[in-house]
Protein backbone atom coordinates (compact mmCIF):
# COMPACT_ATOMS: atom_id res chain seq x y z
CA UNK A 1 22.08 7.00 6.03
CA UNK A 2 24.75 4.60 7.08
CA UNK A 3 24.36 0.83 7.31
CA UNK A 4 23.88 1.16 11.03
CA UNK A 5 20.80 3.35 10.53
CA UNK A 6 18.79 0.85 8.45
CA UNK A 7 16.66 0.03 11.49
CA UNK A 8 15.91 3.73 11.86
CA UNK A 9 15.00 3.98 8.17
CA UNK A 10 12.58 1.05 8.48
CA UNK A 11 11.08 2.58 11.62
CA UNK A 12 10.56 5.94 9.89
CA UNK A 13 9.05 4.34 6.78
CA UNK A 14 6.71 2.28 8.96
CA UNK A 15 5.56 5.39 10.88
CA UNK A 16 5.11 7.58 7.79
CA UNK A 17 3.09 4.91 6.00
CA UNK A 18 0.99 4.32 9.14
CA UNK A 19 0.21 8.05 9.41
CA UNK A 20 -0.88 8.22 5.77
CA UNK A 21 -2.98 5.07 6.15
CA UNK A 22 -4.72 6.53 9.20
CA UNK A 23 -5.45 9.84 7.48
CA UNK A 24 -6.74 8.07 4.38
CA UNK A 25 -9.00 5.79 6.44
CA UNK A 26 -10.54 8.85 8.10
CA UNK A 27 -11.11 10.42 4.67
CA UNK A 28 -12.67 7.25 3.21
CA UNK A 29 -14.94 6.67 6.20
CA UNK A 30 -16.10 10.29 6.06
CA UNK A 31 -16.68 10.11 2.32
CA UNK A 32 -18.69 6.90 2.47
CA UNK A 33 -20.73 8.11 5.44
CA UNK A 34 -21.75 11.39 3.80
CA UNK A 35 -21.65 10.64 0.05
CA UNK A 36 -21.56 6.91 -0.71
CA UNK A 37 -21.49 5.86 -4.38
CA UNK A 38 -24.85 4.27 -5.20
CA UNK A 39 -23.93 2.58 -8.49
CA UNK A 40 -20.98 1.33 -10.47
CA UNK A 41 -21.07 4.49 -12.57
CA UNK A 42 -20.90 6.65 -9.45
CA UNK A 43 -18.03 4.56 -8.12
CA UNK A 44 -16.02 4.73 -11.36
CA UNK A 45 -16.81 8.43 -11.70
CA UNK A 46 -15.48 9.02 -8.21
CA UNK A 47 -12.31 7.08 -9.06
CA UNK A 48 -11.91 9.05 -12.30
CA UNK A 49 -11.19 12.17 -10.23
CA UNK A 50 -7.39 12.59 -10.40
CA UNK A 51 -7.15 13.60 -6.73
CA UNK A 52 -8.97 10.45 -5.61
CA UNK A 53 -7.00 8.20 -7.97
CA UNK A 54 -3.64 9.57 -6.81
CA UNK A 55 -4.68 9.41 -3.14
CA UNK A 56 -5.79 5.79 -3.60
CA UNK A 57 -2.56 4.86 -5.40
CA UNK A 58 -0.59 6.45 -2.55
CA UNK A 59 -2.75 4.52 -0.08
CA UNK A 60 -1.94 1.20 -1.71
CA UNK A 61 1.73 2.14 -2.05
CA UNK A 62 1.74 2.88 1.69
CA UNK A 63 0.00 -0.45 2.42
CA UNK A 64 2.54 -2.35 0.33
CA UNK A 65 5.49 -0.48 1.86
CA UNK A 66 4.11 -1.00 5.35
CA UNK A 67 3.62 -4.71 4.67
CA UNK A 68 7.11 -5.08 3.18
CA UNK A 69 8.86 -3.43 6.13
CA UNK A 70 6.86 -5.45 8.66
CA UNK A 71 7.29 -8.82 6.97
CA UNK A 72 10.94 -8.12 6.20
CA UNK A 73 11.71 -7.31 9.82
CA UNK A 74 9.91 -10.40 11.11
CA UNK A 75 11.63 -12.68 8.59
CA UNK A 76 15.06 -11.19 9.29
CA UNK A 77 14.54 -11.52 13.06
CA UNK A 78 13.06 -15.01 13.20
CA UNK A 79 14.16 -16.98 10.10
CA UNK A 80 17.82 -17.87 10.51
CA UNK A 81 18.70 -20.21 7.59
CA UNK A 82 19.81 -17.79 4.88
CA UNK A 83 18.30 -19.65 1.91
CA UNK A 84 14.90 -19.90 3.59
CA UNK A 85 15.11 -16.21 4.47
CA UNK A 86 16.02 -15.21 0.91
CA UNK A 87 13.27 -17.41 -0.51
CA UNK A 88 10.63 -15.97 1.82
CA UNK A 89 11.70 -12.39 1.15
CA UNK A 90 11.75 -13.00 -2.62
CA UNK A 91 8.28 -14.56 -2.60
CA UNK A 92 6.95 -11.76 -0.42
CA UNK A 93 8.48 -9.12 -2.66
CA UNK A 94 7.07 -10.72 -5.80
CA UNK A 95 3.61 -10.99 -4.25
CA UNK A 96 3.68 -7.35 -3.16
CA UNK A 97 4.90 -6.18 -6.58
CA UNK A 98 2.19 -8.22 -8.28
CA UNK A 99 -0.42 -6.79 -5.93
CA UNK A 100 0.78 -3.26 -6.62
CA UNK A 101 0.62 -3.78 -10.38
CA UNK A 102 -2.87 -5.25 -10.08
CA UNK A 103 -4.05 -2.25 -8.02
CA UNK A 104 -2.56 0.20 -10.52
CA UNK A 105 -4.29 -1.61 -13.38
CA UNK A 106 -7.61 -1.70 -11.53
CA UNK A 107 -7.55 1.99 -10.65
CA UNK A 108 -6.48 2.94 -14.17
CA UNK A 109 -9.26 0.85 -15.74
CA UNK A 110 -11.86 2.23 -13.31
CA UNK A 111 -10.83 5.78 -14.19
CA UNK A 112 -10.70 5.02 -17.92
CA UNK A 113 -14.20 3.56 -18.00
CA UNK A 114 -15.79 6.67 -16.51
C-alpha cells in the first residue's frame, strides 16, 4: 500500500480485529453458558487445549491491535505538538507491548500447570 492508503490500512485492521473480537465473544459466552469451568483445575485444563490457547492469544492480539489503531488515530488527530504526540504514542505502545507479554506469559503458565 502507498503512503496515501495508511488510513485505509488502519480502517481494515480495525474492522478485521472487531470481527474477530465479536466472534470470539460469542464463542466465550456460549462456552460459559453451557460448560462453565467449576474450579481452577477445570479452568487451567480448558486453557491447556491448544485450540483454546491459540484462540485466546489471537483474541488478545486483536484487542491490542484494535486499541493501538484507535488510540493512534485519536492522538494523531487531536494532539498537535509533535513531542507530546510522540511521547503519548511511545507510552501507549510500551503499555500495549507489556500487556501483550503479560497475557502470553499468563496463558502459557495456565497451560503449563494443567
